[in-house]
């Protein structure tokens, strides 16, 4: 990996303990710009904690986070977002009482306080609000949610909420997107759509770091994987290569060898459509 690649995004020796339990233990890795990287590992490996540390939802005990050559260690979530890092959540929690469109406008970084509310109405004179409206509608169309734009978010299926969360992340025009289990609990058709969205956006210049347990999805979507075990990076490389490493296979208790099978049982039984 080149020095220029390291300048895009890296975590250096980051650690975090909760009540004496070390969740992340000296984790170090970097990712290249315009790549799609999977952050994988067994339950409790510290993957989601890494996301929380990077985006400021948890405070680091030790280590540094760097983005585009800038030390962003300790930045709170809103400031992290303004640097160009967007983050999706494992369990999306949209504002249920608001419409799908209104959820797209809420909490966009760099907007003036409460200006998003005026952007909900069609006759605003602020050009920033007009652009936000247009971007929201364009993204809803791209993600197949345009026809639901006036529906309450509470009426969406689990898969549609995942799409809404993904689309909302893109409202702030991030250059690095962190997705936490985008394929979790959704059907194979939607998983395929997610892969297509990610590849299309990568071709437009975005970079992705994805936490995901569904290794079939990882195999289809990611260029490379970083394997975490017990808060540390154990291996890195193509999934087809790292799954042959005995220590990685042992850490997964054999489940990593099933990457060529179809999706998880949860995904196979899901019925929602994009």
C-alpha atoms as a PDB file:
ATOM      1  CA  UNK A   1       0.000   0.000   0.000  1.00  0.00           C
ATOM      2  CA  UNK A   2       1.375   3.389  -0.950  1.00  0.00           C
ATOM      3  CA  UNK A   3       1.955   6.297   1.396  1.00  0.00           C
ATOM      4  CA  UNK A   4      -0.687   8.241  -0.494  1.00  0.00           C
ATOM      5  CA  UNK A   5      -3.195   5.492   0.223  1.00  0.00           C
ATOM      6  CA  UNK A   6      -2.365   5.657   3.925  1.00  0.00           C
ATOM      7  CA  UNK A   7      -3.116   9.367   3.854  1.00  0.00           C
ATOM      8  CA  UNK A   8      -6.781   8.729   3.029  1.00  0.00           C
ATOM      9  CA  UNK A   9      -7.987   6.984   6.196  1.00  0.00           C
ATOM     10  CA  UNK A  10      -6.237   5.172   9.018  1.00  0.00           C
ATOM     11  CA  UNK A  11      -6.634   4.146  12.623  1.00  0.00           C
ATOM     12  CA  UNK A  12      -3.425   3.808  14.584  1.00  0.00           C
ATOM     13  CA  UNK A  13      -3.316   1.749  17.761  1.00  0.00           C
ATOM     14  CA  UNK A  14      -6.841   2.627  18.843  1.00  0.00           C
ATOM     15  CA  UNK A  15      -8.080   1.054  22.073  1.00  0.00           C
ATOM     16  CA  UNK A  16     -11.238   1.162  24.170  1.00  0.00           C
ATOM     17  CA  UNK A  17     -12.265  -0.591  27.384  1.00  0.00           C
ATOM     18  CA  UNK A  18     -15.668  -0.802  29.018  1.00  0.00           C
ATOM     19  CA  UNK A  19     -15.691  -1.602  32.740  1.00  0.00           C
ATOM     20  CA  UNK A  20     -12.313  -3.259  32.480  1.00  0.00           C
ATOM     21  CA  UNK A  21     -13.110  -5.282  29.352  1.00  0.00           C
ATOM     22  CA  UNK A  22     -10.937  -4.393  26.356  1.00  0.00           C
ATOM     23  CA  UNK A  23     -13.318  -4.104  23.391  1.00  0.00           C
ATOM     24  CA  UNK A  24     -10.712  -2.709  20.969  1.00  0.00           C
ATOM     25  CA  UNK A  25      -7.066  -3.448  21.653  1.00  0.00           C
ATOM     26  CA  UNK A  26      -4.452  -1.545  19.676  1.00  0.00           C
ATOM     27  CA  UNK A  27      -6.302  -1.813  16.375  1.00  0.00           C
ATOM     28  CA  UNK A  28      -4.367  -0.470  13.377  1.00  0.00           C
ATOM     29  CA  UNK A  29      -5.304  -0.416   9.705  1.00  0.00           C
ATOM     30  CA  UNK A  30      -5.639   1.941   6.753  1.00  0.00           C
ATOM     31  CA  UNK A  31      -7.799   1.931   3.640  1.00  0.00           C
ATOM     32  CA  UNK A  32      -7.295   3.281   0.165  1.00  0.00           C
ATOM     33  CA  UNK A  33      -9.447   5.911  -1.431  1.00  0.00           C
ATOM     34  CA  UNK A  34     -12.244   4.612  -3.705  1.00  0.00           C
ATOM     35  CA  UNK A  35     -12.047   1.083  -2.281  1.00  0.00           C
ATOM     36  CA  UNK A  36     -14.689  -1.121  -0.648  1.00  0.00           C
ATOM     37  CA  UNK A  37     -13.303  -2.777   2.471  1.00  0.00           C
ATOM     38  CA  UNK A  38     -15.093  -5.264   4.698  1.00  0.00           C
ATOM     39  CA  UNK A  39     -14.440  -5.217   8.451  1.00  0.00           C
ATOM     40  CA  UNK A  40     -15.297  -8.752   9.515  1.00  0.00           C
ATOM     41  CA  UNK A  41     -14.919 -11.012  12.507  1.00  0.00           C
ATOM     42  CA  UNK A  42     -16.924 -13.037  15.018  1.00  0.00           C
ATOM     43  CA  UNK A  43     -19.404 -11.467  17.416  1.00  0.00           C
ATOM     44  CA  UNK A  44     -17.640  -9.391  20.033  1.00  0.00           C
ATOM     45  CA  UNK A  45     -14.575  -8.747  17.876  1.00  0.00           C
ATOM     46  CA  UNK A  46     -14.911  -4.969  18.319  1.00  0.00           C
ATOM     47  CA  UNK A  47     -16.022  -4.028  14.814  1.00  0.00           C
ATOM     48  CA  UNK A  48     -18.951  -1.768  15.720  1.00  0.00           C
ATOM     49  CA  UNK A  49     -16.908  -0.266  18.547  1.00  0.00           C
ATOM     50  CA  UNK A  50     -14.318   0.764  15.945  1.00  0.00           C
ATOM     51  CA  UNK A  51     -17.092   2.560  14.063  1.00  0.00           C
ATOM     52  CA  UNK A  52     -18.181   4.314  17.248  1.00  0.00           C
ATOM     53  CA  UNK A  53     -14.609   5.384  17.997  1.00  0.00           C
ATOM     54  CA  UNK A  54     -13.988   6.659  14.468  1.00  0.00           C
ATOM     55  CA  UNK A  55     -17.217   8.676  14.377  1.00  0.00           C
ATOM     56  CA  UNK A  56     -16.972  10.113  17.878  1.00  0.00           C
ATOM     57  CA  UNK A  57     -19.785   8.195  19.554  1.00  0.00           C
ATOM     58  CA  UNK A  58     -17.208   6.710  21.970  1.00  0.00           C
ATOM     59  CA  UNK A  59     -14.094   8.382  23.312  1.00  0.00           C
ATOM     60  CA  UNK A  60     -10.781   6.691  22.562  1.00  0.00           C
ATOM     61  CA  UNK A  61      -8.638   5.461  25.438  1.00  0.00           C
ATOM     62  CA  UNK A  62      -5.553   5.412  23.211  1.00  0.00           C
ATOM     63  CA  UNK A  63      -4.580   5.832  19.567  1.00  0.00           C
ATOM     64  CA  UNK A  64      -5.284   8.137  16.656  1.00  0.00           C
ATOM     65  CA  UNK A  65      -7.741   8.446  13.793  1.00  0.00           C
ATOM     66  CA  UNK A  66      -6.578  10.185  10.622  1.00  0.00           C
ATOM     67  CA  UNK A  67      -8.576  11.185   7.562  1.00  0.00           C
ATOM     68  CA  UNK A  68      -7.038  12.724   4.456  1.00  0.00           C
ATOM     69  CA  UNK A  69      -3.844  13.330   6.412  1.00  0.00           C
ATOM     70  CA  UNK A  70      -5.655  15.186   9.199  1.00  0.00           C
ATOM     71  CA  UNK A  71      -5.771  13.975  12.801  1.00  0.00           C
ATOM     72  CA  UNK A  72      -9.477  13.811  13.695  1.00  0.00           C
ATOM     73  CA  UNK A  73      -9.018  11.932  16.970  1.00  0.00           C
ATOM     74  CA  UNK A  74     -11.701  12.890  19.475  1.00  0.00           C
ATOM     75  CA  UNK A  75     -13.916  14.774  17.038  1.00  0.00           C
ATOM     76  CA  UNK A  76     -17.605  14.573  18.043  1.00  0.00           C
ATOM     77  CA  UNK A  77     -20.052  12.979  15.585  1.00  0.00           C
ATOM     78  CA  UNK A  78     -21.204  16.230  13.973  1.00  0.00           C
ATOM     79  CA  UNK A  79     -17.664  17.460  13.376  1.00  0.00           C
ATOM     80  CA  UNK A  80     -16.612  14.056  12.055  1.00  0.00           C
ATOM     81  CA  UNK A  81     -19.487  14.185   9.575  1.00  0.00           C
ATOM     82  CA  UNK A  82     -18.399  17.629   8.407  1.00  0.00           C
ATOM     83  CA  UNK A  83     -14.970  16.210   7.545  1.00  0.00           C
ATOM     84  CA  UNK A  84     -16.637  13.928   4.985  1.00  0.00           C
ATOM     85  CA  UNK A  85     -17.269  10.721   6.924  1.00  0.00           C
ATOM     86  CA  UNK A  86     -20.827   9.361   6.757  1.00  0.00           C
ATOM     87  CA  UNK A  87     -22.096   6.559   8.962  1.00  0.00           C
ATOM     88  CA  UNK A  88     -25.047   4.179   8.677  1.00  0.00           C
ATOM     89  CA  UNK A  89     -26.385   2.150  11.585  1.00  0.00           C
ATOM     90  CA  UNK A  90     -26.999  -1.541  12.121  1.00  0.00           C
ATOM     91  CA  UNK A  91     -30.558  -0.833  13.278  1.00  0.00           C
ATOM     92  CA  UNK A  92     -31.909   2.240  11.456  1.00  0.00           C
ATOM     93  CA  UNK A  93     -33.999   4.524  13.631  1.00  0.00           C
ATOM     94  CA  UNK A  94     -35.726   7.043  11.380  1.00  0.00           C
ATOM     95  CA  UNK A  95     -38.053   9.669  12.790  1.00  0.00           C
ATOM     96  CA  UNK A  96     -41.212   7.576  12.648  1.00  0.00           C
ATOM     97  CA  UNK A  97     -43.648  10.498  12.696  1.00  0.00           C
ATOM     98  CA  UNK A  98     -41.930  12.231   9.773  1.00  0.00           C
ATOM     99  CA  UNK A  99     -42.295  11.313   6.140  1.00  0.00           C
ATOM    100  CA  UNK A 100     -39.580   9.531   4.185  1.00  0.00           C
ATOM    101  CA  UNK A 101     -38.708  12.811   2.471  1.00  0.00           C
ATOM    102  CA  UNK A 102     -38.592  14.732   5.744  1.00  0.00           C
ATOM    103  CA  UNK A 103     -36.218  12.140   7.162  1.00  0.00           C
ATOM    104  CA  UNK A 104     -33.857  12.830   4.277  1.00  0.00           C
ATOM    105  CA  UNK A 105     -33.693  16.529   5.154  1.00  0.00           C
ATOM    106  CA  UNK A 106     -33.305  16.242   8.911  1.00  0.00           C
ATOM    107  CA  UNK A 107     -29.863  16.748  10.493  1.00  0.00           C
ATOM    108  CA  UNK A 108     -27.837  17.438   7.383  1.00  0.00           C
ATOM    109  CA  UNK A 109     -24.348  18.714   8.332  1.00  0.00           C
ATOM    110  CA  UNK A 110     -23.482  22.311   7.378  1.00  0.00           C
ATOM    111  CA  UNK A 111     -27.050  23.527   7.201  1.00  0.00           C
ATOM    112  CA  UNK A 112     -28.013  26.512   9.308  1.00  0.00           C
ATOM    113  CA  UNK A 113     -30.017  25.729  12.407  1.00  0.00           C
ATOM    114  CA  UNK A 114     -33.587  24.743  11.565  1.00  0.00           C
ATOM    115  CA  UNK A 115     -33.100  25.582   7.878  1.00  0.00           C
ATOM    116  CA  UNK A 116     -33.938  21.953   7.077  1.00  0.00           C
ATOM    117  CA  UNK A 117     -37.515  22.607   8.204  1.00  0.00           C
ATOM    118  CA  UNK A 118     -37.991  25.382   5.666  1.00  0.00           C
ATOM    119  CA  UNK A 119     -36.526  23.048   3.054  1.00  0.00           C
ATOM    120  CA  UNK A 120     -39.549  20.794   3.479  1.00  0.00           C
ATOM    121  CA  UNK A 121     -41.707  23.337   1.711  1.00  0.00           C
ATOM    122  CA  UNK A 122     -41.670  23.913  -2.037  1.00  0.00           C
ATOM    123  CA  UNK A 123     -41.465  27.703  -2.098  1.00  0.00           C
ATOM    124  CA  UNK A 124     -38.324  28.359  -0.036  1.00  0.00           C
ATOM    125  CA  UNK A 125     -36.032  31.008  -1.521  1.00  0.00           C
ATOM    126  CA  UNK A 126     -32.798  29.739   0.023  1.00  0.00           C
ATOM    127  CA  UNK A 127     -30.770  28.094  -2.789  1.00  0.00           C
ATOM    128  CA  UNK A 128     -29.133  25.707  -0.304  1.00  0.00           C
ATOM    129  CA  UNK A 129     -32.558  24.457   0.738  1.00  0.00           C
ATOM    130  CA  UNK A 130     -33.590  24.045  -2.894  1.00  0.00           C
ATOM    131  CA  UNK A 131     -30.469  21.988  -3.593  1.00  0.00           C
ATOM    132  CA  UNK A 132     -31.099  19.866  -0.498  1.00  0.00           C
ATOM    133  CA  UNK A 133     -34.636  19.149  -1.671  1.00  0.00           C
ATOM    134  CA  UNK A 134     -33.446  18.189  -5.126  1.00  0.00           C
ATOM    135  CA  UNK A 135     -30.701  15.940  -3.777  1.00  0.00           C
ATOM    136  CA  UNK A 136     -33.115  14.236  -1.395  1.00  0.00           C
ATOM    137  CA  UNK A 137     -35.559  13.480  -4.191  1.00  0.00           C
ATOM    138  CA  UNK A 138     -32.785  12.281  -6.508  1.00  0.00           C
ATOM    139  CA  UNK A 139     -31.442   9.906  -3.864  1.00  0.00           C
ATOM    140  CA  UNK A 140     -34.899   8.567  -3.041  1.00  0.00           C
ATOM    141  CA  UNK A 141     -35.357   7.866  -6.736  1.00  0.00           C
ATOM    142  CA  UNK A 142     -31.967   6.123  -6.948  1.00  0.00           C
ATOM    143  CA  UNK A 143     -32.794   3.907  -3.961  1.00  0.00           C
ATOM    144  CA  UNK A 144     -36.283   3.036  -5.163  1.00  0.00           C
ATOM    145  CA  UNK A 145     -38.060   5.006  -2.428  1.00  0.00           C
ATOM    146  CA  UNK A 146     -39.376   7.962  -4.424  1.00  0.00           C
ATOM    147  CA  UNK A 147     -42.902   6.579  -4.530  1.00  0.00           C
ATOM    148  CA  UNK A 148     -42.840   6.394  -0.724  1.00  0.00           C
ATOM    149  CA  UNK A 149     -41.531   9.931  -0.187  1.00  0.00           C
ATOM    150  CA  UNK A 150     -44.745  11.175   1.468  1.00  0.00           C
ATOM    151  CA  UNK A 151     -45.334   8.049   3.578  1.00  0.00           C
ATOM    152  CA  UNK A 152     -44.492   8.038   7.265  1.00  0.00           C
ATOM    153  CA  UNK A 153     -41.181   6.345   7.983  1.00  0.00           C
ATOM    154  CA  UNK A 154     -42.955   4.132  10.519  1.00  0.00           C
ATOM    155  CA  UNK A 155     -44.720   2.343   7.641  1.00  0.00           C
ATOM    156  CA  UNK A 156     -41.497   1.193   5.943  1.00  0.00           C
ATOM    157  CA  UNK A 157     -40.320  -2.408   6.001  1.00  0.00           C
ATOM    158  CA  UNK A 158     -37.000  -3.286   7.614  1.00  0.00           C
ATOM    159  CA  UNK A 159     -35.274  -3.383   4.242  1.00  0.00           C
ATOM    160  CA  UNK A 160     -36.723  -0.039   3.200  1.00  0.00           C
ATOM    161  CA  UNK A 161     -35.503   1.519   6.445  1.00  0.00           C
ATOM    162  CA  UNK A 162     -32.011   0.238   5.601  1.00  0.00           C
ATOM    163  CA  UNK A 163     -32.254   1.936   2.205  1.00  0.00           C
ATOM    164  CA  UNK A 164     -33.512   5.164   3.770  1.00  0.00           C
ATOM    165  CA  UNK A 165     -30.625   5.141   6.258  1.00  0.00           C
ATOM    166  CA  UNK A 166     -28.138   4.595   3.431  1.00  0.00           C
ATOM    167  CA  UNK A 167     -29.684   7.353   1.327  1.00  0.00           C
ATOM    168  CA  UNK A 168     -29.705   9.784   4.257  1.00  0.00           C
ATOM    169  CA  UNK A 169     -25.978   9.181   4.849  1.00  0.00           C
ATOM    170  CA  UNK A 170     -25.332  10.373   1.292  1.00  0.00           C
ATOM    171  CA  UNK A 171     -27.169  13.662   1.806  1.00  0.00           C
ATOM    172  CA  UNK A 172     -24.048  15.208   3.350  1.00  0.00           C
ATOM    173  CA  UNK A 173     -21.939  14.182   0.319  1.00  0.00           C
ATOM    174  CA  UNK A 174     -19.381  12.129   2.277  1.00  0.00           C
ATOM    175  CA  UNK A 175     -16.236  10.758   0.685  1.00  0.00           C
ATOM    176  CA  UNK A 176     -15.963   7.884   3.186  1.00  0.00           C
ATOM    177  CA  UNK A 177     -19.068   5.873   4.103  1.00  0.00           C
ATOM    178  CA  UNK A 178     -19.192   3.492   7.067  1.00  0.00           C
ATOM    179  CA  UNK A 179     -22.008   0.936   6.839  1.00  0.00           C
ATOM    180  CA  UNK A 180     -22.882  -1.358   9.762  1.00  0.00           C
ATOM    181  CA  UNK A 181     -24.408  -4.629   8.522  1.00  0.00           C
ATOM    182  CA  UNK A 182     -26.238  -3.247   5.473  1.00  0.00           C
ATOM    183  CA  UNK A 183     -27.247  -6.805   4.471  1.00  0.00           C
ATOM    184  CA  UNK A 184     -28.377  -7.842   7.938  1.00  0.00           C
ATOM    185  CA  UNK A 185     -31.879  -9.297   7.992  1.00  0.00           C
ATOM    186  CA  UNK A 186     -32.802  -8.366   4.416  1.00  0.00           C
ATOM    187  CA  UNK A 187     -33.684 -10.630   1.534  1.00  0.00           C
ATOM    188  CA  UNK A 188     -31.281 -11.678  -1.241  1.00  0.00           C
ATOM    189  CA  UNK A 189     -32.872  -9.323  -3.787  1.00  0.00           C
ATOM    190  CA  UNK A 190     -32.223  -6.313  -1.576  1.00  0.00           C
ATOM    191  CA  UNK A 191     -28.714  -7.548  -0.789  1.00  0.00           C
ATOM    192  CA  UNK A 192     -28.007  -7.624  -4.514  1.00  0.00           C
ATOM    193  CA  UNK A 193     -29.397  -4.100  -4.847  1.00  0.00           C
ATOM    194  CA  UNK A 194     -27.179  -2.913  -1.983  1.00  0.00           C
ATOM    195  CA  UNK A 195     -24.126  -4.343  -3.725  1.00  0.00           C
ATOM    196  CA  UNK A 196     -25.091  -2.517  -6.910  1.00  0.00           C
ATOM    197  CA  UNK A 197     -25.549   0.798  -5.088  1.00  0.00           C
ATOM    198  CA  UNK A 198     -22.175   0.470  -3.377  1.00  0.00           C
ATOM    199  CA  UNK A 199     -20.344  -0.374  -6.605  1.00  0.00           C
ATOM    200  CA  UNK A 200     -22.039   2.476  -8.477  1.00  0.00           C
ATOM    201  CA  UNK A 201     -21.115   4.958  -5.748  1.00  0.00           C
ATOM    202  CA  UNK A 202     -17.547   3.682  -5.627  1.00  0.00           C
ATOM    203  CA  UNK A 203     -17.280   4.375  -9.353  1.00  0.00           C
ATOM    204  CA  UNK A 204     -18.345   7.954  -8.539  1.00  0.00           C
ATOM    205  CA  UNK A 205     -15.440   8.326  -6.115  1.00  0.00           C
ATOM    206  CA  UNK A 206     -16.782   7.154  -2.749  1.00  0.00           C
ATOM    207  CA  UNK A 207     -14.915   4.858  -0.375  1.00  0.00           C
ATOM    208  CA  UNK A 208     -16.641   2.277   1.846  1.00  0.00           C
ATOM    209  CA  UNK A 209     -15.793   0.529   5.096  1.00  0.00           C
ATOM    210  CA  UNK A 210     -18.429  -2.116   5.823  1.00  0.00           C
ATOM    211  CA  UNK A 211     -19.050  -4.171   8.945  1.00  0.00           C
ATOM    212  CA  UNK A 212     -20.912  -7.291   7.852  1.00  0.00           C
ATOM    213  CA  UNK A 213     -21.477 -10.858   9.095  1.00  0.00           C
ATOM    214  CA  UNK A 214     -22.972 -12.067   5.823  1.00  0.00           C
ATOM    215  CA  UNK A 215     -19.801 -13.304   4.135  1.00  0.00           C
ATOM    216  CA  UNK A 216     -21.541 -14.085   0.846  1.00  0.00           C
ATOM    217  CA  UNK A 217     -22.472 -10.387   0.660  1.00  0.00           C
ATOM    218  CA  UNK A 218     -18.912  -9.415   1.614  1.00  0.00           C
ATOM    219  CA  UNK A 219     -17.521 -11.665  -1.104  1.00  0.00           C
ATOM    220  CA  UNK A 220     -19.735 -10.013  -3.734  1.00  0.00           C
ATOM    221  CA  UNK A 221     -19.266  -6.448  -2.524  1.00  0.00           C
ATOM    222  CA  UNK A 222     -15.815  -5.875  -1.009  1.00  0.00           C
ATOM    223  CA  UNK A 223     -12.398  -5.647  -2.649  1.00  0.00           C
ATOM    224  CA  UNK A 224     -10.621  -6.752   0.500  1.00  0.00           C
ATOM    225  CA  UNK A 225     -11.372  -7.595   4.118  1.00  0.00           C
ATOM    226  CA  UNK A 226      -9.852  -6.765   7.481  1.00  0.00           C
ATOM    227  CA  UNK A 227     -10.408  -9.550  10.008  1.00  0.00           C
ATOM    228  CA  UNK A 228     -10.799  -8.513  13.647  1.00  0.00           C
ATOM    229  CA  UNK A 229     -10.656 -10.934  16.576  1.00  0.00           C
ATOM    230  CA  UNK A 230     -10.758  -9.914  20.243  1.00  0.00           C
ATOM    231  CA  UNK A 231     -10.304  -6.247  19.424  1.00  0.00           C
ATOM    232  CA  UNK A 232      -7.252  -6.716  17.210  1.00  0.00           C
ATOM    233  CA  UNK A 233      -6.582  -7.029  13.484  1.00  0.00           C
ATOM    234  CA  UNK A 234      -5.756 -10.664  12.769  1.00  0.00           C
ATOM    235  CA  UNK A 235      -5.504 -10.647   8.969  1.00  0.00           C
ATOM    236  CA  UNK A 236      -6.089  -8.618   5.840  1.00  0.00           C
ATOM    237  CA  UNK A 237      -6.534  -9.514   2.197  1.00  0.00           C
ATOM    238  CA  UNK A 238      -9.027 -10.942  -0.259  1.00  0.00           C
ATOM    239  CA  UNK A 239     -11.716 -12.959   1.500  1.00  0.00           C
ATOM    240  CA  UNK A 240     -10.812 -16.022  -0.573  1.00  0.00           C
ATOM    241  CA  UNK A 241      -7.286 -15.828   0.847  1.00  0.00           C
ATOM    242  CA  UNK A 242      -7.897 -14.918   4.488  1.00  0.00           C
ATOM    243  CA  UNK A 243     -10.529 -17.608   4.945  1.00  0.00           C
ATOM    244  CA  UNK A 244      -7.784 -20.195   4.344  1.00  0.00           C
ATOM    245  CA  UNK A 245      -5.680 -18.922   7.262  1.00  0.00           C
ATOM    246  CA  UNK A 246      -6.055 -21.504  10.075  1.00  0.00           C
ATOM    247  CA  UNK A 247      -6.248 -18.892  12.851  1.00  0.00           C
ATOM    248  CA  UNK A 248      -9.021 -17.047  11.012  1.00  0.00           C
ATOM    249  CA  UNK A 249     -10.978 -20.233  10.433  1.00  0.00           C
ATOM    250  CA  UNK A 250     -10.606 -21.161  14.096  1.00  0.00           C
ATOM    251  CA  UNK A 251     -11.817 -17.721  15.194  1.00  0.00           C
ATOM    252  CA  UNK A 252     -14.951 -18.143  13.103  1.00  0.00           C
ATOM    253  CA  UNK A 253     -15.440 -21.721  14.324  1.00  0.00           C
ATOM    254  CA  UNK A 254     -15.681 -22.870  10.718  1.00  0.00           C
ATOM    255  CA  UNK A 255     -18.404 -20.462   9.636  1.00  0.00           C
ATOM    256  CA  UNK A 256     -16.058 -18.536   7.331  1.00  0.00           C
ATOM    257  CA  UNK A 257     -15.785 -21.624   5.108  1.00  0.00           C
ATOM    258  CA  UNK A 258     -19.464 -21.236   4.246  1.00  0.00           C
ATOM    259  CA  UNK A 259     -18.995 -18.033   2.259  1.00  0.00           C
ATOM    260  CA  UNK A 260     -20.036 -19.754  -0.967  1.00  0.00           C
ATOM    261  CA  UNK A 261     -23.435 -20.660   0.451  1.00  0.00           C
ATOM    262  CA  UNK A 262     -26.434 -18.413   0.037  1.00  0.00           C
ATOM    263  CA  UNK A 263     -27.303 -15.761   2.660  1.00  0.00           C
ATOM    264  CA  UNK A 264     -28.059 -16.330   6.311  1.00  0.00           C
ATOM    265  CA  UNK A 265     -31.285 -17.962   7.452  1.00  0.00           C
ATOM    266  CA  UNK A 266     -32.635 -14.571   8.493  1.00  0.00           C
ATOM    267  CA  UNK A 267     -32.086 -13.160   5.045  1.00  0.00           C
ATOM    268  CA  UNK A 268     -33.544 -16.254   3.356  1.00  0.00           C
ATOM    269  CA  UNK A 269     -36.784 -15.875   5.283  1.00  0.00           C
ATOM    270  CA  UNK A 270     -37.137 -12.115   4.904  1.00  0.00           C
ATOM    271  CA  UNK A 271     -39.933 -11.018   2.622  1.00  0.00           C
ATOM    272  CA  UNK A 272     -39.608  -7.263   2.208  1.00  0.00           C
ATOM    273  CA  UNK A 273     -38.754  -5.827  -1.198  1.00  0.00           C
ATOM    274  CA  UNK A 274     -36.642  -2.761  -1.998  1.00  0.00           C
END
